[in-house]
Amino acid sequence: MTVKLRAVMCGCGGMSNVWLNVIKTLPDVEMVGLVDINEAAARGRAEQFGLAGARVGTDLEKMLGEVKPDVVFAMTVPEAHHGVVLAALAHGCHVLGEKPLADSMAHAREMVTAAAAAGKTYAVIQNRRYDPRIRRVRRFVEGGALGTLTTLNCDFYLAPRFGGFRDRMRHVLLLDMAIHTFDAARYLSGADPAAVYCHEWNPAGSWYDHDASAVAVFEMTGGLVYTYRGSWCAEGLWTTWESDWRLVGTQGSLKWDGGDALAAQTLTGMEGRRAVYQDAAVPPAVADAKSADVKSGGHAGVIAEFLRCVRTCETPETAAADNIKSLAMVFGAIESAETGRKVEIKI
């Protein structure tokens, strides 16, 4: 019989509901503690999910010392990730945290270094990687039908009325949302960032205090160029939350709307000076151990793989040591937007 991994959740806000709905379906993990600066929030989650045996508190260090968990789920605001993760690692815990990895590259580097020194697994919820639709596109690209990718473009245009803190945030689109899209670009292309030029602005009619639109051009490894166009105050004709994509290769192109619509054409030959193309069928998504039902937002796949890797000592796909490259794209774009110049991206 497999011994359950003991887990503490730090941060019991809105997203903890999504996590706990997944965790309650997993037989190999037991929630033994819930921590939040608002004890009522932690107690409310314990009652909601029938966690009568879990301790509730506001002090993470005290909780870790008392219940001695194997893993910590870090659900705090980005500014608190650094302290929570370092405390968990110091207590010998593996950590799975919410995105973004950290509130600065300096903190991110320190957290990645601490995890390596502790010999513990530290991964990030990049849940969109585990959506079966993006895995379908990635599998087609890996099959070589498009040849070598040269260009990757995406559009992200929505107009959500969040209210609250996002309306006041600086770099709201880049800092709060673009990490998902930038990570998807890395995943689809297999390339990493080298440099970026980014321009931000706040369009007329925007309800955000600061820039809510951005265009960024990334130079990626292997000579690939990735362009991002996005806005969180684009009225009408919304894209999906996964963005609208075009992938261009030496032998063909693929368009993906971020949902179920896919179209691909490949080069079949030349008739004199005229290129001849044919429609290419993109094979359907294949269920695997990582991909999760779209309704779960991919959280089920990330959490399940993280727990499996803790047991097997394997490296999760969204390990912080890799995901820091996606975070570097965010902070590189912000630096470029603030300085008005191209920025080399250093991990």
Protein backbone atom coordinates (compact mmCIF):
# COMPACT_ATOMS: atom_id res chain seq x y z
CA MET A 1 0.00 0.00 0.00
CA THR A 2 1.37 3.42 -1.01
CA VAL A 3 1.95 5.78 1.89
CA LYS A 4 0.24 9.10 1.28
CA LEU A 5 2.30 12.24 0.89
CA ARG A 6 1.52 14.74 3.62
CA ALA A 7 0.78 18.23 2.30
CA VAL A 8 0.34 21.75 3.65
CA MET A 9 -1.33 24.49 1.60
CA CYS A 10 -0.13 28.03 2.20
CA GLY A 11 -2.61 30.57 0.86
CA CYS A 12 -6.34 29.83 0.90
CA GLY A 13 -7.70 32.44 -1.49
CA GLY A 14 -9.79 31.95 -4.61
CA MET A 15 -7.40 29.68 -6.55
CA SER A 16 -7.06 27.28 -3.62
CA ASN A 17 -10.57 26.13 -4.45
CA VAL A 18 -9.35 24.93 -7.88
CA TRP A 19 -6.37 23.14 -6.35
CA LEU A 20 -8.36 21.44 -3.60
CA ASN A 21 -10.99 20.24 -6.06
CA VAL A 22 -8.17 18.41 -7.86
CA ILE A 23 -6.36 17.23 -4.72
CA LYS A 24 -9.49 15.61 -3.29
CA THR A 25 -9.52 13.23 -6.29
CA LEU A 26 -5.91 12.10 -5.79
CA PRO A 27 -5.50 9.03 -3.56
CA ASP A 28 -1.81 9.50 -2.78
CA VAL A 29 -1.88 12.85 -0.96
CA GLU A 30 -3.31 13.95 2.39
CA MET A 31 -3.90 17.57 3.35
CA VAL A 32 -2.57 17.91 6.89
CA GLY A 33 -2.43 21.70 7.18
CA LEU A 34 -3.93 24.92 5.80
CA VAL A 35 -2.22 28.29 6.34
CA ASP A 36 -3.40 31.79 5.51
CA ILE A 37 -2.81 35.25 6.94
CA ASN A 38 -6.60 35.27 7.33
CA GLU A 39 -7.27 32.27 9.54
CA ALA A 40 -10.97 32.37 8.66
CA ALA A 41 -10.08 31.70 5.01
CA ALA A 42 -8.06 28.62 5.95
CA ARG A 43 -10.78 27.38 8.29
CA GLY A 44 -13.39 27.94 5.60
CA ARG A 45 -11.49 25.78 3.10
CA ALA A 46 -11.05 23.03 5.70
CA GLU A 47 -14.79 22.99 6.31
CA GLN A 48 -15.67 23.24 2.61
CA PHE A 49 -13.56 20.22 1.69
CA GLY A 50 -14.18 18.12 4.78
CA LEU A 51 -10.61 18.36 6.05
CA ALA A 52 -11.47 17.87 9.68
CA GLY A 53 -8.09 16.32 10.44
CA ALA A 54 -6.06 19.19 8.95
CA ARG A 55 -4.55 21.82 11.22
CA VAL A 56 -5.39 25.45 10.50
CA GLY A 57 -3.20 28.46 11.24
CA THR A 58 -1.57 31.71 10.18
CA ASP A 59 2.10 30.87 10.86
CA LEU A 60 3.73 28.74 8.16
CA GLU A 61 6.97 28.13 10.07
CA LYS A 62 5.03 26.89 13.09
CA MET A 63 2.82 24.68 10.92
CA LEU A 64 5.81 23.11 9.15
CA GLY A 65 7.48 22.36 12.46
CA GLU A 66 4.35 20.77 13.91
CA VAL A 67 2.99 18.63 11.08
CA LYS A 68 6.25 17.96 9.16
CA PRO A 69 4.74 17.67 5.67
CA ASP A 70 6.39 16.14 2.62
CA VAL A 71 5.13 18.82 0.24
CA VAL A 72 3.93 22.41 0.38
CA PHE A 73 1.47 23.92 -2.06
CA ALA A 74 2.33 27.63 -2.26
CA MET A 75 -0.79 29.62 -3.16
CA THR A 76 0.18 33.09 -1.97
CA VAL A 77 0.43 36.38 -3.87
CA PRO A 78 3.65 36.67 -5.95
CA GLU A 79 5.35 38.96 -3.41
CA ALA A 80 5.14 36.20 -0.80
CA HIS A 81 6.36 33.29 -2.97
CA HIS A 82 10.01 33.90 -2.09
CA GLY A 83 9.58 33.64 1.69
CA VAL A 84 7.13 30.74 1.55
CA VAL A 85 9.25 28.64 -0.80
CA LEU A 86 12.50 29.23 1.09
CA ALA A 87 10.80 28.31 4.38
CA ALA A 88 9.34 25.13 2.90
CA LEU A 89 12.67 24.07 1.41
CA ALA A 90 14.45 24.78 4.71
CA HIS A 91 12.02 22.36 6.38
CA GLY A 92 12.84 19.64 3.85
CA CYS A 93 9.66 19.96 1.78
CA HIS A 94 9.08 19.69 -1.94
CA VAL A 95 7.15 22.68 -3.30
CA LEU A 96 4.58 23.30 -6.01
CA GLY A 97 3.68 26.97 -6.33
CA GLU A 98 1.38 29.27 -8.26
CA LYS A 99 2.64 31.31 -11.17
CA PRO A 100 4.54 33.51 -11.59
CA LEU A 101 7.54 31.83 -10.03
CA ALA A 102 8.64 35.02 -8.24
CA ASP A 103 8.19 38.78 -8.11
CA SER A 104 11.72 39.41 -9.38
CA MET A 105 14.49 37.58 -11.21
CA ALA A 106 16.77 37.95 -8.18
CA HIS A 107 14.24 36.15 -5.98
CA ALA A 108 13.62 33.53 -8.66
CA ARG A 109 17.33 32.72 -8.95
CA GLU A 110 17.64 32.45 -5.17
CA MET A 111 14.66 30.06 -4.99
CA VAL A 112 15.95 27.85 -7.80
CA THR A 113 19.39 27.71 -6.15
CA ALA A 114 17.86 26.86 -2.77
CA ALA A 115 15.85 23.99 -4.24
CA ALA A 116 18.95 22.54 -5.90
CA ALA A 117 20.95 22.86 -2.66
CA ALA A 118 18.18 21.17 -0.68
CA GLY A 119 17.82 18.39 -3.24
CA LYS A 120 14.07 19.03 -3.37
CA THR A 121 11.60 19.36 -6.22
CA TYR A 122 10.30 22.87 -6.81
CA ALA A 123 7.82 23.34 -9.65
CA VAL A 124 5.33 25.94 -10.85
CA ILE A 125 1.68 25.68 -11.92
CA GLN A 126 2.04 26.42 -15.62
CA ASN A 127 -1.30 24.72 -16.08
CA ARG A 128 -1.82 25.63 -19.73
CA ARG A 129 0.99 23.29 -20.77
CA TYR A 130 -1.22 20.43 -19.66
CA ASP A 131 -4.21 21.38 -21.80
CA PRO A 132 -4.58 18.52 -24.34
CA ARG A 133 -5.02 21.00 -27.19
CA ILE A 134 -1.61 22.65 -26.84
CA ARG A 135 -0.03 19.22 -26.43
CA ARG A 136 -1.70 18.24 -29.72
CA VAL A 137 -0.04 21.18 -31.51
CA ARG A 138 3.32 20.47 -29.90
CA ARG A 139 3.15 16.82 -30.99
CA PHE A 140 2.46 17.86 -34.60
CA VAL A 141 5.39 20.28 -34.59
CA GLU A 142 7.70 17.64 -33.14
CA GLY A 143 6.66 15.29 -35.95
CA GLY A 144 8.51 17.55 -38.38
CA ALA A 145 5.69 18.27 -40.84
CA LEU A 146 6.43 22.01 -40.70
CA GLY A 147 10.18 21.57 -41.03
CA THR A 148 12.25 23.90 -38.85
CA LEU A 149 10.21 26.61 -37.14
CA THR A 150 11.33 30.09 -38.12
CA THR A 151 8.48 32.32 -36.92
CA LEU A 152 5.94 32.16 -34.11
CA ASN A 153 3.19 34.77 -33.79
CA CYS A 154 0.36 35.12 -31.31
CA ASP A 155 -2.50 37.53 -30.63
CA PHE A 156 -4.14 37.90 -27.22
CA TYR A 157 -7.10 40.30 -27.24
CA LEU A 158 -9.67 40.35 -24.44
CA ALA A 159 -11.44 42.94 -22.31
CA PRO A 160 -12.14 41.41 -18.88
CA ARG A 161 -13.53 43.68 -16.19
CA PHE A 162 -11.71 42.28 -13.18
CA GLY A 163 -12.04 45.19 -10.83
CA GLY A 164 -9.85 45.15 -7.74
CA PHE A 165 -6.06 45.15 -7.70
CA ARG A 166 -5.55 44.49 -11.42
CA ASP A 167 -7.11 47.83 -12.33
CA ARG A 168 -4.33 49.54 -10.36
CA MET A 169 -1.36 47.32 -11.38
CA ARG A 170 1.60 48.55 -13.38
CA HIS A 171 2.42 46.31 -16.36
CA VAL A 172 -0.83 44.47 -15.68
CA LEU A 173 -0.91 42.47 -18.92
CA LEU A 174 2.77 41.53 -18.95
CA LEU A 175 3.09 40.83 -15.25
CA ASP A 176 -0.20 39.12 -14.51
CA MET A 177 -1.05 37.24 -17.71
CA ALA A 178 1.74 37.11 -20.28
CA ILE A 179 3.69 34.47 -18.34
CA HIS A 180 1.15 31.91 -19.59
CA THR A 181 1.53 32.95 -23.22
CA PHE A 182 5.31 33.30 -23.12
CA ASP A 183 5.61 29.86 -21.53
CA ALA A 184 3.34 28.47 -24.24
CA ALA A 185 5.64 29.96 -26.88
CA ARG A 186 8.61 28.18 -25.34
CA TYR A 187 6.64 24.95 -25.15
CA LEU A 188 5.37 25.06 -28.73
CA SER A 189 8.70 26.01 -30.26
CA GLY A 190 11.19 24.26 -28.01
CA ALA A 191 13.21 27.50 -28.11
CA ASP A 192 14.37 29.76 -25.29
CA PRO A 193 14.55 33.58 -25.13
CA ALA A 194 17.66 35.52 -26.10
CA ALA A 195 16.49 39.15 -26.45
CA VAL A 196 13.31 41.23 -26.58
CA TYR A 197 12.01 44.60 -27.68
CA CYS A 198 8.66 45.57 -26.16
CA HIS A 199 6.33 48.57 -26.37
CA GLU A 200 3.52 49.09 -23.86
CA TRP A 201 0.67 51.58 -23.93
CA ASN A 202 -2.74 52.26 -22.42
CA PRO A 203 -5.35 52.74 -25.16
CA ALA A 204 -8.06 55.39 -25.05
CA GLY A 205 -11.06 54.04 -23.19
CA SER A 206 -8.99 51.76 -20.96
CA TRP A 207 -10.26 51.28 -17.40
CA TYR A 208 -6.78 50.33 -16.17
CA ASP A 209 -4.57 52.92 -14.47
CA HIS A 210 -1.48 51.77 -16.34
CA ASP A 211 -0.49 50.18 -19.65
CA ALA A 212 -2.80 47.29 -20.52
CA SER A 213 -1.63 46.65 -24.10
CA ALA A 214 1.74 45.48 -25.40
CA VAL A 215 3.62 44.36 -28.48
CA ALA A 216 6.83 42.37 -28.02
CA VAL A 217 9.33 40.88 -30.44
CA PHE A 218 11.50 38.10 -28.99
CA GLU A 219 14.69 36.74 -30.50
CA MET A 220 14.78 33.07 -29.55
CA THR A 221 17.44 30.38 -29.75
CA GLY A 222 17.89 28.70 -33.11
CA GLY A 223 17.13 31.93 -34.99
CA LEU A 224 13.39 31.78 -34.28
CA VAL A 225 11.50 35.08 -33.94
CA TYR A 226 8.43 35.17 -31.70
CA THR A 227 6.00 38.10 -31.76
CA TYR A 228 3.37 38.81 -29.12
CA ARG A 229 0.50 41.26 -29.54
CA GLY A 230 -1.86 41.61 -26.62
CA SER A 231 -4.41 43.72 -24.81
CA TRP A 232 -6.68 43.41 -21.81
CA CYS A 233 -8.95 46.23 -22.99
CA ALA A 234 -9.76 45.13 -26.56
CA GLU A 235 -13.49 45.52 -27.10
CA GLY A 236 -15.05 42.87 -29.34
CA LEU A 237 -13.79 39.87 -31.32
CA TRP A 238 -12.01 38.36 -28.37
CA THR A 239 -9.38 35.71 -28.90
CA THR A 240 -9.36 32.69 -26.62
CA TRP A 241 -7.49 32.96 -23.34
CA GLU A 242 -4.88 30.70 -24.94
CA SER A 243 -4.23 33.25 -27.74
CA ASP A 244 -4.52 32.91 -31.50
CA TRP A 245 -1.34 31.40 -32.99
CA ARG A 246 0.49 31.07 -36.29
CA LEU A 247 3.54 28.80 -36.54
CA VAL A 248 5.68 29.15 -39.66
CA GLY A 249 8.29 26.58 -40.64
CA THR A 250 10.55 25.84 -43.58
CA GLN A 251 8.05 23.27 -44.91
CA GLY A 252 4.66 24.66 -43.90
CA SER A 253 2.48 26.63 -41.49
CA LEU A 254 -0.10 25.96 -38.81
CA LYS A 255 -2.84 28.18 -37.40
CA TRP A 256 -4.43 27.50 -34.02
CA ASP A 257 -7.10 29.58 -32.34
CA GLY A 258 -6.15 28.38 -28.86
CA GLY A 259 -9.27 26.22 -28.80
CA ASP A 260 -10.28 23.37 -31.07
CA ALA A 261 -9.75 25.06 -34.46
CA LEU A 262 -6.56 23.95 -36.21
CA ALA A 263 -5.44 24.28 -39.83
CA ALA A 264 -2.12 23.33 -41.38
CA GLN A 265 -0.60 23.37 -44.86
CA THR A 266 2.68 21.84 -45.95
CA LEU A 267 4.86 22.34 -48.99
CA THR A 268 4.67 19.39 -51.37
CA GLY A 269 6.86 20.64 -54.20
CA MET A 270 7.35 23.22 -56.93
CA GLU A 271 5.75 23.61 -60.33
CA GLY A 272 8.23 25.91 -61.99
CA ARG A 273 8.36 28.96 -59.75
CA ARG A 274 5.03 28.17 -58.05
CA ALA A 275 4.99 26.49 -54.68
CA VAL A 276 2.42 23.72 -54.23
CA TYR A 277 0.82 23.15 -50.83
CA GLN A 278 -1.57 20.63 -49.40
CA ASP A 279 -3.75 20.67 -46.32
CA ALA A 280 -2.21 18.60 -43.55
CA ALA A 281 -4.29 16.73 -41.00
CA VAL A 282 -3.31 17.40 -37.41
CA PRO A 283 -3.77 14.14 -35.47
CA PRO A 284 -6.24 14.31 -32.58
CA ALA A 285 -5.07 14.81 -29.05
CA VAL A 286 -3.73 11.68 -27.42
CA ALA A 287 -4.52 11.16 -23.76
CA ASP A 288 -1.37 10.82 -21.70
CA ALA A 289 -0.40 10.89 -18.07
CA LYS A 290 0.19 14.64 -18.15
CA SER A 291 -2.66 16.11 -20.17
CA ALA A 292 -5.82 16.85 -18.23
CA ASP A 293 -9.41 17.62 -19.07
CA VAL A 294 -9.79 21.19 -20.33
CA LYS A 295 -12.33 21.92 -17.59
CA SER A 296 -9.64 21.50 -14.94
CA GLY A 297 -7.53 24.18 -16.60
CA GLY A 298 -4.64 21.74 -16.62
CA HIS A 299 -4.16 21.90 -12.85
CA ALA A 300 -4.89 18.18 -12.53
CA GLY A 301 -2.05 17.30 -14.88
CA VAL A 302 0.49 19.56 -13.16
CA ILE A 303 -0.38 18.46 -9.63
CA ALA A 304 -0.47 14.77 -10.49
CA GLU A 305 2.88 14.91 -12.29
CA PHE A 306 4.46 16.88 -9.45
CA LEU A 307 3.41 14.26 -6.90
CA ARG A 308 4.60 11.44 -9.15
CA CYS A 309 7.99 13.11 -9.58
CA VAL A 310 8.34 13.62 -5.84
CA ARG A 311 7.97 9.85 -5.44
CA THR A 312 10.21 8.88 -8.37
CA CYS A 313 12.83 11.65 -8.09
CA GLU A 314 12.14 12.65 -11.69
CA THR A 315 11.99 16.28 -12.87
CA PRO A 316 8.55 17.80 -13.53
CA GLU A 317 7.99 19.51 -16.86
CA THR A 318 7.32 22.79 -15.07
CA ALA A 319 10.31 22.63 -12.73
CA ALA A 320 11.33 26.08 -11.55
CA ALA A 321 14.84 25.61 -12.95
CA ASP A 322 13.25 25.56 -16.41
CA ASN A 323 10.29 27.87 -15.83
CA ILE A 324 12.62 30.69 -14.80
CA LYS A 325 13.27 31.12 -18.54
CA SER A 326 9.60 31.99 -19.09
CA LEU A 327 9.71 34.42 -16.15
CA ALA A 328 12.80 36.03 -17.69
CA MET A 329 10.72 36.79 -20.78
CA VAL A 330 8.24 38.72 -18.62
CA PHE A 331 10.85 40.81 -16.83
CA GLY A 332 12.84 41.29 -20.04
CA ALA A 333 9.74 42.66 -21.77
CA ILE A 334 9.00 44.98 -18.83
CA GLU A 335 12.58 46.29 -18.82
CA SER A 336 12.41 46.91 -22.55
CA ALA A 337 9.09 48.73 -22.25
CA GLU A 338 10.48 50.92 -19.46
CA THR A 339 13.76 51.74 -21.20
CA GLY A 340 12.61 51.83 -24.82
CA ARG A 341 15.45 49.60 -25.98
CA LYS A 342 16.10 45.99 -26.89
CA VAL A 343 17.08 43.93 -23.85
CA GLU A 344 19.24 40.82 -23.75
CA ILE A 345 17.57 38.16 -21.64
CA LYS A 346 19.83 36.65 -19.02
CA ILE A 347 18.74 33.75 -16.86
